Amino acid sequence: MKQQQDYIRDISEIRSMMERSTKFLSLSGWAGIMAGIYALAGAYIAYAVFDFSPRKVVYNPLGRMHINKDFVGLMLVAAAVLLLAIGTAWFFSNQKAKKKNEKLWNATSKRLMINMGVPLVAGGLFVLILAAKGLIGLVAPATLIFYGLSLYIASRYTYEDVKILGLVQVMLGLIAAVYIGYGLLFWAIGFGAGHIIYGIYIHYKYER
């Protein structure tokens, strides 16, 4: 009986080692929570401070729009949200990796970043094209869809639960493409509430 238990324990340890070598498990739930808070704050600033609403610019070609201080401010807010989310994700993931005596930047994390990077870069370029053509109302749907696709791909290299968040983002992006005037709201739901809920779930499932 004891020998059988030893075999089961050994198999479990081998399985755990194989999972650590093939999957990036240093993602932090707190990083997701903070990214969601940053996104909600950014959406609020865009709406309350700069009075931005996709409904007002859906059919306005960019050539007819004035690149004023409000537009520049919106770009700075978006950049700040992105940088804060990336920096926070790196900080918490690095802390988690140190606790496990693992390196944050390894072969698995490289594969994760490369595979996530393809749809993210493609999406970023597509968003720039949309902006250049004045199709500002489609920016929020596009960012949600491409980000969701990147998460779906990333689920192969990290927690399987990420796939669900990716599908939710894609679904919200498609709905936002139908109701273009509410793009900022769907963006806040996806990047804000979606990340917070996901972060709490990951924290209680894997980190407690």
N, C-alpha and C. Protein backbone atom coordinates (compact mmCIF):
# COMPACT_ATOMS: atom_id res chain seq x y z
N MET A 1 0.83 -1.20 0.00
CA MET A 1 0.00 0.00 0.00
C MET A 1 0.87 1.26 0.00
N LYS A 2 1.91 1.23 0.86
CA LYS A 2 2.82 2.38 0.94
C LYS A 2 3.55 2.57 -0.38
N GLN A 3 3.94 1.44 -1.00
CA GLN A 3 4.65 1.52 -2.27
C GLN A 3 3.76 2.15 -3.36
N GLN A 4 2.49 1.81 -3.32
CA GLN A 4 1.55 2.37 -4.29
C GLN A 4 1.39 3.87 -4.07
N GLN A 5 1.34 4.29 -2.83
CA GLN A 5 1.23 5.72 -2.52
C GLN A 5 2.47 6.47 -2.99
N ASP A 6 3.65 5.82 -2.85
CA ASP A 6 4.88 6.44 -3.32
C ASP A 6 4.85 6.62 -4.83
N TYR A 7 4.34 5.63 -5.54
CA TYR A 7 4.23 5.72 -6.99
C TYR A 7 3.31 6.88 -7.39
N ILE A 8 2.19 7.01 -6.70
CA ILE A 8 1.24 8.08 -6.99
C ILE A 8 1.87 9.44 -6.74
N ARG A 9 2.62 9.54 -5.62
CA ARG A 9 3.28 10.81 -5.30
C ARG A 9 4.33 11.15 -6.35
N ASP A 10 5.10 10.14 -6.78
CA ASP A 10 6.13 10.37 -7.79
C ASP A 10 5.53 10.82 -9.12
N ILE A 11 4.43 10.17 -9.49
CA ILE A 11 3.75 10.54 -10.74
C ILE A 11 3.24 11.97 -10.66
N SER A 12 2.70 12.34 -9.50
CA SER A 12 2.18 13.69 -9.30
C SER A 12 3.31 14.71 -9.40
N GLU A 13 4.47 14.40 -8.82
CA GLU A 13 5.60 15.31 -8.87
C GLU A 13 6.13 15.46 -10.29
N ILE A 14 6.19 14.35 -11.02
CA ILE A 14 6.64 14.40 -12.42
C ILE A 14 5.71 15.24 -13.27
N ARG A 15 4.41 15.04 -13.03
CA ARG A 15 3.41 15.81 -13.77
C ARG A 15 3.54 17.30 -13.47
N SER A 16 3.78 17.64 -12.20
CA SER A 16 3.94 19.03 -11.81
C SER A 16 5.18 19.64 -12.45
N MET A 17 6.27 18.88 -12.51
CA MET A 17 7.50 19.35 -13.14
C MET A 17 7.31 19.59 -14.63
N MET A 18 6.59 18.67 -15.27
CA MET A 18 6.34 18.82 -16.71
C MET A 18 5.46 20.03 -16.99
N GLU A 19 4.50 20.27 -16.12
CA GLU A 19 3.61 21.42 -16.30
C GLU A 19 4.37 22.72 -16.13
N ARG A 20 5.28 22.77 -15.14
CA ARG A 20 6.07 23.98 -14.92
C ARG A 20 7.01 24.25 -16.08
N SER A 21 7.46 23.20 -16.76
CA SER A 21 8.41 23.36 -17.86
C SER A 21 7.72 23.74 -19.16
N THR A 22 6.45 23.50 -19.28
CA THR A 22 5.74 23.77 -20.53
C THR A 22 4.73 24.90 -20.41
N LYS A 23 4.43 25.35 -19.18
CA LYS A 23 3.44 26.40 -19.00
C LYS A 23 3.98 27.50 -18.09
N PHE A 24 3.61 28.73 -18.43
CA PHE A 24 4.02 29.88 -17.64
C PHE A 24 2.98 30.08 -16.53
N LEU A 25 3.38 29.75 -15.31
CA LEU A 25 2.45 29.76 -14.19
C LEU A 25 2.74 30.87 -13.18
N SER A 26 3.48 31.90 -13.63
CA SER A 26 3.80 33.01 -12.75
C SER A 26 2.86 34.19 -12.93
N LEU A 27 1.82 34.01 -13.75
CA LEU A 27 0.83 35.07 -13.88
C LEU A 27 0.17 35.32 -12.53
N SER A 28 0.03 36.58 -12.17
CA SER A 28 -0.53 36.93 -10.87
C SER A 28 -1.95 37.44 -10.99
N GLY A 29 -2.80 36.97 -10.09
CA GLY A 29 -4.17 37.48 -10.06
C GLY A 29 -4.21 38.95 -9.74
N TRP A 30 -3.30 39.41 -8.88
CA TRP A 30 -3.26 40.82 -8.53
C TRP A 30 -2.93 41.69 -9.74
N ALA A 31 -2.12 41.17 -10.65
CA ALA A 31 -1.80 41.92 -11.87
C ALA A 31 -3.06 42.15 -12.69
N GLY A 32 -3.91 41.12 -12.78
CA GLY A 32 -5.17 41.26 -13.50
C GLY A 32 -6.10 42.26 -12.84
N ILE A 33 -6.17 42.20 -11.51
CA ILE A 33 -7.03 43.13 -10.77
C ILE A 33 -6.59 44.57 -10.99
N MET A 34 -5.28 44.82 -10.87
CA MET A 34 -4.78 46.18 -11.04
C MET A 34 -4.95 46.66 -12.48
N ALA A 35 -4.76 45.77 -13.46
CA ALA A 35 -4.96 46.15 -14.86
C ALA A 35 -6.40 46.58 -15.09
N GLY A 36 -7.33 45.87 -14.47
CA GLY A 36 -8.74 46.24 -14.59
C GLY A 36 -9.03 47.59 -13.97
N ILE A 37 -8.42 47.87 -12.83
CA ILE A 37 -8.61 49.16 -12.17
C ILE A 37 -8.05 50.28 -13.04
N TYR A 38 -6.86 50.06 -13.63
CA TYR A 38 -6.27 51.07 -14.51
C TYR A 38 -7.20 51.34 -15.70
N ALA A 39 -7.76 50.26 -16.27
CA ALA A 39 -8.62 50.41 -17.44
C ALA A 39 -9.88 51.19 -17.10
N LEU A 40 -10.48 50.90 -15.95
CA LEU A 40 -11.68 51.62 -15.53
C LEU A 40 -11.36 53.10 -15.29
N ALA A 41 -10.23 53.36 -14.68
CA ALA A 41 -9.82 54.74 -14.43
C ALA A 41 -9.58 55.47 -15.75
N GLY A 42 -8.94 54.78 -16.70
CA GLY A 42 -8.69 55.39 -18.01
C GLY A 42 -9.98 55.70 -18.75
N ALA A 43 -10.93 54.75 -18.69
CA ALA A 43 -12.22 54.97 -19.35
C ALA A 43 -12.96 56.14 -18.72
N TYR A 44 -12.90 56.25 -17.41
CA TYR A 44 -13.57 57.36 -16.71
C TYR A 44 -12.95 58.69 -17.10
N ILE A 45 -11.62 58.75 -17.14
CA ILE A 45 -10.94 59.99 -17.52
C ILE A 45 -11.29 60.38 -18.95
N ALA A 46 -11.32 59.37 -19.85
CA ALA A 46 -11.66 59.65 -21.25
C ALA A 46 -13.06 60.23 -21.38
N TYR A 47 -13.97 59.72 -20.58
CA TYR A 47 -15.37 60.17 -20.67
C TYR A 47 -15.62 61.46 -19.90
N ALA A 48 -15.14 61.50 -18.65
CA ALA A 48 -15.45 62.64 -17.78
C ALA A 48 -14.57 63.85 -18.04
N VAL A 49 -13.30 63.63 -18.31
CA VAL A 49 -12.36 64.74 -18.47
C VAL A 49 -12.31 65.23 -19.92
N PHE A 50 -12.19 64.27 -20.86
CA PHE A 50 -12.04 64.65 -22.27
C PHE A 50 -13.35 64.54 -23.05
N ASP A 51 -14.43 64.16 -22.36
CA ASP A 51 -15.76 64.08 -22.99
C ASP A 51 -15.71 63.23 -24.26
N PHE A 52 -15.01 62.11 -24.19
CA PHE A 52 -14.88 61.23 -25.35
C PHE A 52 -16.03 60.23 -25.38
N SER A 53 -16.64 60.10 -26.54
CA SER A 53 -17.68 59.10 -26.76
C SER A 53 -17.61 58.66 -28.22
N PRO A 54 -17.47 57.33 -28.47
CA PRO A 54 -17.41 56.85 -29.85
C PRO A 54 -18.60 57.31 -30.68
N ARG A 55 -19.75 57.53 -30.02
CA ARG A 55 -20.95 57.94 -30.74
C ARG A 55 -20.74 59.26 -31.47
N LYS A 56 -19.90 60.12 -30.89
CA LYS A 56 -19.68 61.45 -31.48
C LYS A 56 -18.72 61.42 -32.67
N VAL A 57 -17.91 60.36 -32.76
CA VAL A 57 -16.86 60.35 -33.79
C VAL A 57 -16.97 59.16 -34.73
N VAL A 58 -18.06 58.41 -34.65
CA VAL A 58 -18.21 57.21 -35.46
C VAL A 58 -18.03 57.49 -36.95
N TYR A 59 -18.68 58.52 -37.41
CA TYR A 59 -18.67 58.79 -38.84
C TYR A 59 -17.87 60.04 -39.20
N ASN A 60 -17.03 60.49 -38.29
CA ASN A 60 -16.21 61.66 -38.56
C ASN A 60 -14.84 61.24 -39.09
N PRO A 61 -14.52 61.52 -40.34
CA PRO A 61 -13.18 61.20 -40.84
C PRO A 61 -12.13 61.94 -40.04
N LEU A 62 -11.02 61.28 -39.83
CA LEU A 62 -9.97 61.89 -39.01
C LEU A 62 -9.47 63.18 -39.64
N GLY A 63 -9.53 63.24 -40.98
CA GLY A 63 -9.06 64.43 -41.67
C GLY A 63 -9.85 65.66 -41.30
N ARG A 64 -11.09 65.48 -40.85
CA ARG A 64 -11.92 66.62 -40.47
C ARG A 64 -11.84 66.92 -38.99
N MET A 65 -11.14 66.05 -38.27
CA MET A 65 -11.02 66.25 -36.82
C MET A 65 -9.79 67.10 -36.52
N HIS A 66 -9.88 67.94 -35.55
CA HIS A 66 -8.74 68.74 -35.14
C HIS A 66 -7.93 67.96 -34.10
N ILE A 67 -6.64 67.83 -34.34
CA ILE A 67 -5.77 67.15 -33.38
C ILE A 67 -5.47 68.15 -32.27
N ASN A 68 -6.38 68.29 -31.36
CA ASN A 68 -6.22 69.27 -30.29
C ASN A 68 -5.64 68.62 -29.04
N LYS A 69 -5.58 69.41 -27.99
CA LYS A 69 -4.98 68.91 -26.75
C LYS A 69 -5.80 67.78 -26.13
N ASP A 70 -7.13 67.76 -26.38
CA ASP A 70 -7.95 66.68 -25.85
C ASP A 70 -7.60 65.35 -26.51
N PHE A 71 -7.40 65.38 -27.82
CA PHE A 71 -7.04 64.16 -28.53
C PHE A 71 -5.68 63.65 -28.07
N VAL A 72 -4.74 64.56 -27.94
CA VAL A 72 -3.40 64.19 -27.44
C VAL A 72 -3.52 63.63 -26.02
N GLY A 73 -4.38 64.24 -25.21
CA GLY A 73 -4.58 63.77 -23.84
C GLY A 73 -5.12 62.36 -23.80
N LEU A 74 -6.06 62.05 -24.70
CA LEU A 74 -6.62 60.70 -24.78
C LEU A 74 -5.53 59.68 -25.10
N MET A 75 -4.65 60.04 -26.04
CA MET A 75 -3.56 59.14 -26.40
C MET A 75 -2.61 58.91 -25.22
N LEU A 76 -2.38 59.97 -24.47
CA LEU A 76 -1.50 59.84 -23.29
C LEU A 76 -2.14 58.98 -22.21
N VAL A 77 -3.45 59.12 -22.03
CA VAL A 77 -4.17 58.29 -21.06
C VAL A 77 -4.09 56.82 -21.47
N ALA A 78 -4.32 56.54 -22.75
CA ALA A 78 -4.26 55.17 -23.25
C ALA A 78 -2.86 54.58 -23.06
N ALA A 79 -1.83 55.38 -23.35
CA ALA A 79 -0.45 54.92 -23.18
C ALA A 79 -0.13 54.66 -21.71
N ALA A 80 -0.64 55.54 -20.83
CA ALA A 80 -0.39 55.38 -19.39
C ALA A 80 -1.04 54.10 -18.87
N VAL A 81 -2.27 53.82 -19.31
CA VAL A 81 -2.97 52.60 -18.88
C VAL A 81 -2.18 51.37 -19.33
N LEU A 82 -1.72 51.38 -20.57
CA LEU A 82 -0.97 50.25 -21.10
C LEU A 82 0.34 50.03 -20.34
N LEU A 83 1.09 51.11 -20.12
CA LEU A 83 2.38 50.99 -19.43
C LEU A 83 2.21 50.56 -17.98
N LEU A 84 1.19 51.11 -17.31
CA LEU A 84 0.93 50.72 -15.92
C LEU A 84 0.55 49.24 -15.83
N ALA A 85 -0.28 48.77 -16.76
CA ALA A 85 -0.70 47.37 -16.76
C ALA A 85 0.48 46.44 -16.99
N ILE A 86 1.33 46.79 -17.96
CA ILE A 86 2.50 45.96 -18.27
C ILE A 86 3.48 45.96 -17.09
N GLY A 87 3.74 47.15 -16.54
CA GLY A 87 4.66 47.26 -15.42
C GLY A 87 4.18 46.50 -14.19
N THR A 88 2.90 46.60 -13.90
CA THR A 88 2.34 45.89 -12.75
C THR A 88 2.37 44.39 -12.96
N ALA A 89 2.04 43.95 -14.19
CA ALA A 89 2.08 42.51 -14.49
C ALA A 89 3.49 41.97 -14.32
N TRP A 90 4.48 42.74 -14.77
CA TRP A 90 5.88 42.29 -14.63
C TRP A 90 6.26 42.22 -13.14
N PHE A 91 5.87 43.23 -12.37
CA PHE A 91 6.24 43.27 -10.95
C PHE A 91 5.67 42.08 -10.18
N PHE A 92 4.36 41.86 -10.29
CA PHE A 92 3.72 40.79 -9.53
C PHE A 92 4.16 39.41 -10.03
N SER A 93 4.32 39.26 -11.35
CA SER A 93 4.77 37.98 -11.89
C SER A 93 6.19 37.67 -11.45
N ASN A 94 7.03 38.70 -11.40
CA ASN A 94 8.41 38.52 -10.97
C ASN A 94 8.46 38.13 -9.50
N GLN A 95 7.62 38.75 -8.68
CA GLN A 95 7.56 38.40 -7.27
C GLN A 95 7.11 36.96 -7.08
N LYS A 96 6.13 36.55 -7.86
CA LYS A 96 5.61 35.19 -7.77
C LYS A 96 6.66 34.17 -8.21
N ALA A 97 7.40 34.50 -9.26
CA ALA A 97 8.45 33.61 -9.75
C ALA A 97 9.57 33.46 -8.72
N LYS A 98 9.91 34.56 -8.04
CA LYS A 98 10.97 34.51 -7.02
C LYS A 98 10.58 33.60 -5.86
N LYS A 99 9.30 33.65 -5.47
CA LYS A 99 8.84 32.80 -4.39
C LYS A 99 8.96 31.32 -4.74
N LYS A 100 8.85 31.01 -6.02
CA LYS A 100 8.95 29.63 -6.48
C LYS A 100 10.38 29.26 -6.88
N ASN A 101 11.31 30.22 -6.66
CA ASN A 101 12.71 30.02 -7.07
C ASN A 101 12.82 29.71 -8.56
N GLU A 102 12.04 30.44 -9.35
CA GLU A 102 12.05 30.28 -10.80
C GLU A 102 12.42 31.59 -11.47
N LYS A 103 12.84 31.50 -12.72
CA LYS A 103 13.14 32.69 -13.50
C LYS A 103 11.90 33.14 -14.26
N LEU A 104 11.65 34.45 -14.23
CA LEU A 104 10.49 34.97 -14.95
C LEU A 104 10.66 34.84 -16.45
N TRP A 105 11.86 35.15 -16.93
CA TRP A 105 12.13 35.11 -18.37
C TRP A 105 12.82 33.78 -18.71
N ASN A 106 12.05 32.85 -19.23
CA ASN A 106 12.58 31.55 -19.61
C ASN A 106 12.00 31.13 -20.95
N ALA A 107 12.27 29.89 -21.36
CA ALA A 107 11.81 29.43 -22.67
C ALA A 107 10.29 29.45 -22.78
N THR A 108 9.61 29.12 -21.68
CA THR A 108 8.14 29.10 -21.71
C THR A 108 7.56 30.50 -21.82
N SER A 109 8.08 31.44 -21.04
CA SER A 109 7.58 32.81 -21.11
C SER A 109 7.88 33.44 -22.47
N LYS A 110 9.00 33.03 -23.08
CA LYS A 110 9.32 33.53 -24.42
C LYS A 110 8.30 33.05 -25.44
N ARG A 111 7.94 31.77 -25.35
CA ARG A 111 6.93 31.23 -26.27
C ARG A 111 5.59 31.94 -26.04
N LEU A 112 5.28 32.20 -24.78
CA LEU A 112 4.03 32.89 -24.46
C LEU A 112 4.00 34.28 -25.10
N MET A 113 5.07 35.04 -24.92
CA MET A 113 5.11 36.40 -25.44
C MET A 113 5.08 36.44 -26.96
N ILE A 114 5.81 35.51 -27.60
CA ILE A 114 5.84 35.48 -29.06
C ILE A 114 4.47 35.17 -29.63
N ASN A 115 3.79 34.16 -29.07
CA ASN A 115 2.49 33.77 -29.59
C ASN A 115 1.41 34.81 -29.29
N MET A 116 1.52 35.49 -28.14
CA MET A 116 0.59 36.58 -27.84
C MET A 116 0.88 37.78 -28.72
N GLY A 117 2.16 37.97 -29.03
CA GLY A 117 2.58 39.16 -29.76
C GLY A 117 2.03 39.25 -31.16
N VAL A 118 1.84 38.12 -31.83
CA VAL A 118 1.38 38.14 -33.22
C VAL A 118 0.02 38.82 -33.36
N PRO A 119 -1.04 38.35 -32.65
CA PRO A 119 -2.33 39.05 -32.77
C PRO A 119 -2.31 40.45 -32.16
N LEU A 120 -1.48 40.68 -31.13
CA LEU A 120 -1.43 42.01 -30.52
C LEU A 120 -0.81 43.03 -31.47
N VAL A 121 0.28 42.65 -32.13
CA VAL A 121 0.92 43.57 -33.08
C VAL A 121 0.00 43.81 -34.28
N ALA A 122 -0.59 42.73 -34.78
CA ALA A 122 -1.53 42.87 -35.90
C ALA A 122 -2.70 43.77 -35.51
N GLY A 123 -3.22 43.57 -34.30
CA GLY A 123 -4.32 44.40 -33.82
C GLY A 123 -3.93 45.85 -33.67
N GLY A 124 -2.72 46.08 -33.14
CA GLY A 124 -2.25 47.45 -32.97
C GLY A 124 -2.13 48.17 -34.30
N LEU A 125 -1.58 47.49 -35.30
CA LEU A 125 -1.46 48.09 -36.63
C LEU A 125 -2.84 48.34 -37.25
N PHE A 126 -3.76 47.40 -37.03
CA PHE A 126 -5.12 47.56 -37.56
C PHE A 126 -5.81 48.75 -36.93
N VAL A 127 -5.60 48.94 -35.64
CA VAL A 127 -6.19 50.08 -34.93
C VAL A 127 -5.63 51.40 -35.48
N LEU A 128 -4.34 51.42 -35.78
CA LEU A 128 -3.73 52.62 -36.36
C LEU A 128 -4.34 52.93 -37.73
N ILE A 129 -4.60 51.88 -38.50
CA ILE A 129 -5.23 52.07 -39.81
C ILE A 129 -6.64 52.63 -39.64
N LEU A 130 -7.38 52.07 -38.68
CA LEU A 130 -8.73 52.56 -38.42
C LEU A 130 -8.71 54.04 -38.04
N ALA A 131 -7.76 54.41 -37.18
CA ALA A 131 -7.65 55.80 -36.74
C ALA A 131 -7.29 56.70 -37.92
N ALA A 132 -6.38 56.23 -38.79
CA ALA A 132 -5.98 57.01 -39.94
C ALA A 132 -7.13 57.23 -40.90
N LYS A 133 -8.05 56.27 -40.97
CA LYS A 133 -9.21 56.39 -41.85
C LYS A 133 -10.39 57.10 -41.17
N GLY A 134 -10.20 57.48 -39.92
CA GLY A 134 -11.26 58.18 -39.21
C GLY A 134 -12.32 57.29 -38.62
N LEU A 135 -12.09 55.97 -38.62
CA LEU A 135 -13.08 55.03 -38.09
C LEU A 135 -12.85 54.80 -36.60
N ILE A 136 -12.92 55.87 -35.84
CA ILE A 136 -12.60 55.83 -34.41
C ILE A 136 -13.57 54.93 -33.65
N GLY A 137 -14.82 54.87 -34.12
CA GLY A 137 -15.81 54.05 -33.43
C GLY A 137 -15.50 52.57 -33.42
N LEU A 138 -14.64 52.13 -34.35
CA LEU A 138 -14.29 50.71 -34.43
C LEU A 138 -13.03 50.36 -33.64
N VAL A 139 -12.41 51.37 -33.05
CA VAL A 139 -11.16 51.12 -32.31
C VAL A 139 -11.41 50.23 -31.09
N ALA A 140 -12.43 50.55 -30.29
CA ALA A 140 -12.72 49.75 -29.10
C ALA A 140 -13.06 48.30 -29.45
N PRO A 141 -13.96 48.06 -30.43
CA PRO A 141 -14.24 46.67 -30.81
C PRO A 141 -13.00 45.93 -31.29
N ALA A 142 -12.17 46.61 -32.07
CA ALA A 142 -10.97 45.96 -32.62
C ALA A 142 -9.99 45.58 -31.51
N THR A 143 -9.78 46.48 -30.55
CA THR A 143 -8.84 46.16 -29.47
C THR A 143 -9.35 44.98 -28.63
N LEU A 144 -10.64 44.92 -28.39
CA LEU A 144 -11.21 43.81 -27.62
C LEU A 144 -11.06 42.49 -28.37
N ILE A 145 -11.34 42.49 -29.67
CA ILE A 145 -11.29 41.26 -30.45
C ILE A 145 -9.86 40.73 -30.57
N PHE A 146 -8.92 41.59 -30.94
CA PHE A 146 -7.55 41.13 -31.11
C PHE A 146 -6.92 40.74 -29.77
N TYR A 147 -7.25 41.47 -28.71
CA TYR A 147 -6.73 41.10 -27.39
C TYR A 147 -7.31 39.76 -26.95
N GLY A 148 -8.59 39.56 -27.21
CA GLY A 148 -9.22 38.29 -26.87
C GLY A 148 -8.59 37.12 -27.61
N LEU A 149 -8.26 37.32 -28.89
CA LEU A 149 -7.60 36.27 -29.67
C LEU A 149 -6.21 35.95 -29.11
N SER A 150 -5.50 36.99 -28.67
CA SER A 150 -4.17 36.77 -28.09
C SER A 150 -4.26 35.99 -26.79
N LEU A 151 -5.30 36.26 -25.98
CA LEU A 151 -5.48 35.51 -24.74
C LEU A 151 -5.85 34.05 -25.02
N TYR A 152 -6.67 33.84 -26.02
CA TYR A 152 -7.07 32.48 -26.39
C TYR A 152 -5.84 31.66 -26.78
N ILE A 153 -4.95 32.27 -27.55
CA ILE A 153 -3.71 31.59 -27.94
C ILE A 153 -2.82 31.38 -26.72
N ALA A 154 -2.76 32.40 -25.84
CA ALA A 154 -1.89 32.33 -24.67
C ALA A 154 -2.29 31.21 -23.72
N SER A 155 -3.55 30.80 -23.73
CA SER A 155 -4.02 29.77 -22.80
C SER A 155 -3.31 28.44 -23.01
N ARG A 156 -2.69 28.26 -24.18
CA ARG A 156 -1.91 27.04 -24.43
C ARG A 156 -0.62 27.02 -23.63
N TYR A 157 -0.17 28.21 -23.21
CA TYR A 157 1.13 28.32 -22.55
C TYR A 157 1.03 28.78 -21.10
N THR A 158 -0.18 28.96 -20.60
CA THR A 158 -0.36 29.35 -19.20
C THR A 158 -1.66 28.71 -18.69
N TYR A 159 -2.31 29.33 -17.74
CA TYR A 159 -3.53 28.76 -17.18
C TYR A 159 -4.60 28.60 -18.26
N GLU A 160 -5.25 27.45 -18.27
CA GLU A 160 -6.31 27.18 -19.23
C GLU A 160 -7.48 28.15 -19.07
N ASP A 161 -7.63 28.68 -17.86
CA ASP A 161 -8.74 29.61 -17.58
C ASP A 161 -8.64 30.89 -18.41
N VAL A 162 -7.44 31.23 -18.88
CA VAL A 162 -7.26 32.44 -19.68
C VAL A 162 -8.09 32.37 -20.96
N LYS A 163 -8.32 31.14 -21.44
CA LYS A 163 -9.11 30.96 -22.67
C LYS A 163 -10.51 31.55 -22.51
N ILE A 164 -11.10 31.37 -21.33
CA ILE A 164 -12.45 31.90 -21.09
C ILE A 164 -12.45 33.41 -21.18
N LEU A 165 -11.46 34.05 -20.54
CA LEU A 165 -11.36 35.51 -20.60
C LEU A 165 -11.20 35.97 -22.04
N GLY A 166 -10.40 35.23 -22.82
CA GLY A 166 -10.21 35.58 -24.22
C GLY A 166 -11.50 35.52 -25.02
N LEU A 167 -12.28 34.47 -24.81
CA LEU A 167 -13.55 34.34 -25.52
C LEU A 167 -14.53 35.44 -25.13
N VAL A 168 -14.52 35.81 -23.85
CA VAL A 168 -15.39 36.89 -23.38
C VAL A 168 -15.00 38.21 -24.06
N GLN A 169 -13.71 38.46 -24.17
CA GLN A 169 -13.25 39.70 -24.81
C GLN A 169 -13.67 39.74 -26.28
N VAL A 170 -13.52 38.61 -26.99
CA VAL A 170 -13.92 38.55 -28.40
C VAL A 170 -15.42 38.81 -28.53
N MET A 171 -16.21 38.18 -27.66
CA MET A 171 -17.65 38.35 -27.71
C MET A 171 -18.04 39.82 -27.47
N LEU A 172 -17.42 40.44 -26.47
CA LEU A 172 -17.70 41.85 -26.19
C LEU A 172 -17.30 42.74 -27.37
N GLY A 173 -16.18 42.39 -28.01
CA GLY A 173 -15.74 43.16 -29.17
C GLY A 173 -16.72 43.08 -30.32
N LEU A 174 -17.27 41.90 -30.56
CA LEU A 174 -18.24 41.73 -31.63
C LEU A 174 -19.54 42.50 -31.33
N ILE A 175 -19.96 42.45 -30.06
CA ILE A 175 -21.16 43.20 -29.68
C ILE A 175 -20.90 44.69 -29.82
N ALA A 176 -19.70 45.13 -29.41
CA ALA A 176 -19.35 46.55 -29.51
C ALA A 176 -19.31 47.01 -30.96
N ALA A 177 -18.98 46.10 -31.89
CA ALA A 177 -18.95 46.44 -33.31
C ALA A 177 -20.36 46.68 -33.85
N VAL A 178 -21.35 46.05 -33.21
CA VAL A 178 -22.75 46.26 -33.60
C VAL A 178 -23.28 47.55 -32.98
N TYR A 179 -22.98 47.75 -31.70
CA TYR A 179 -23.42 48.95 -30.99
C TYR A 179 -22.22 49.89 -30.83
N ILE A 180 -21.81 50.47 -31.95
CA ILE A 180 -20.57 51.24 -31.98
C ILE A 180 -20.60 52.43 -31.01
N GLY A 181 -21.73 53.03 -30.86
CA GLY A 181 -21.82 54.20 -29.98
C GLY A 181 -21.53 53.91 -28.52
N TYR A 182 -21.55 52.63 -28.15
CA TYR A 182 -21.29 52.24 -26.77
C TYR A 182 -19.93 51.56 -26.63
N GLY A 183 -19.04 51.84 -27.58
CA GLY A 183 -17.73 51.19 -27.59
C GLY A 183 -16.94 51.38 -26.31
N LEU A 184 -16.96 52.60 -25.77
CA LEU A 184 -16.20 52.87 -24.55
C LEU A 184 -16.74 52.07 -23.37
N LEU A 185 -18.06 51.90 -23.33
CA LEU A 185 -18.68 51.12 -22.26
C LEU A 185 -18.24 49.65 -22.34
N PHE A 186 -18.30 49.07 -23.55
CA PHE A 186 -17.89 47.68 -23.70
C PHE A 186 -16.39 47.52 -23.44
N TRP A 187 -15.63 48.53 -23.80
CA TRP A 187 -14.18 48.51 -23.53
C TRP A 187 -13.93 48.48 -22.02
N ALA A 188 -14.69 49.29 -21.29
CA ALA A 188 -14.55 49.33 -19.83
C ALA A 188 -14.96 47.99 -19.21
N ILE A 189 -16.02 47.40 -19.75
CA ILE A 189 -16.48 46.10 -19.24
C ILE A 189 -15.42 45.03 -19.49
N GLY A 190 -14.88 45.00 -20.72
CA GLY A 190 -13.91 43.96 -21.08
C GLY A 190 -12.58 44.11 -20.38
N PHE A 191 -11.95 45.26 -20.58
CA PHE A 191 -10.62 45.48 -20.01
C PHE A 191 -10.67 45.80 -18.52
N GLY A 192 -11.76 46.41 -18.07
CA GLY A 192 -11.88 46.77 -16.67
C GLY A 192 -12.45 45.66 -15.82
N ALA A 193 -13.77 45.49 -15.91
CA ALA A 193 -14.45 44.47 -15.09
C ALA A 193 -13.95 43.07 -15.40
N GLY A 194 -13.70 42.79 -16.68
CA GLY A 194 -13.23 41.45 -17.07
C GLY A 194 -11.93 41.08 -16.39
N HIS A 195 -10.98 42.01 -16.39
CA HIS A 195 -9.69 41.74 -15.75
C HIS A 195 -9.81 41.60 -14.23
N ILE A 196 -10.64 42.43 -13.64
CA ILE A 196 -10.80 42.36 -12.19
C ILE A 196 -11.40 41.02 -11.77
N ILE A 197 -12.46 40.59 -12.46
CA ILE A 197 -13.09 39.30 -12.14
C ILE A 197 -12.11 38.16 -12.36
N TYR A 198 -11.41 38.21 -13.49
CA TYR A 198 -10.42 37.17 -13.79
C TYR A 198 -9.32 37.14 -12.74
N GLY A 199 -8.82 38.33 -12.36
CA GLY A 199 -7.74 38.40 -11.37
C GLY A 199 -8.15 37.82 -10.03
N ILE A 200 -9.37 38.14 -9.59
CA ILE A 200 -9.87 37.59 -8.32
C ILE A 200 -9.98 36.07 -8.41
N TYR A 201 -10.48 35.59 -9.53
CA TYR A 201 -10.63 34.14 -9.73
C TYR A 201 -9.28 33.43 -9.69
N ILE A 202 -8.31 33.96 -10.41
CA ILE A 202 -6.97 33.36 -10.44
C ILE A 202 -6.33 33.40 -9.07
N HIS A 203 -6.50 34.50 -8.36
CA HIS A 203 -5.89 34.64 -7.04
C HIS A 203 -6.43 33.59 -6.08
N TYR A 204 -7.75 33.42 -6.03
CA TYR A 204 -8.34 32.49 -5.08
C TYR A 204 -8.16 31.02 -5.51
N LYS A 205 -8.02 30.78 -6.80
CA LYS A 205 -7.87 29.40 -7.28
C LYS A 205 -6.44 28.90 -7.20
N TYR A 206 -5.45 29.77 -7.49
CA TYR A 206 -4.07 29.31 -7.62
C TYR A 206 -3.11 29.91 -6.61
N GLU A 207 -3.45 30.99 -5.95
CA GLU A 207 -2.45 31.71 -5.16
C GLU A 207 -2.72 31.69 -3.66
N ARG A 208 -3.80 31.13 -3.22
CA ARG A 208 -4.07 31.08 -1.79
C ARG A 208 -3.61 29.75 -1.20
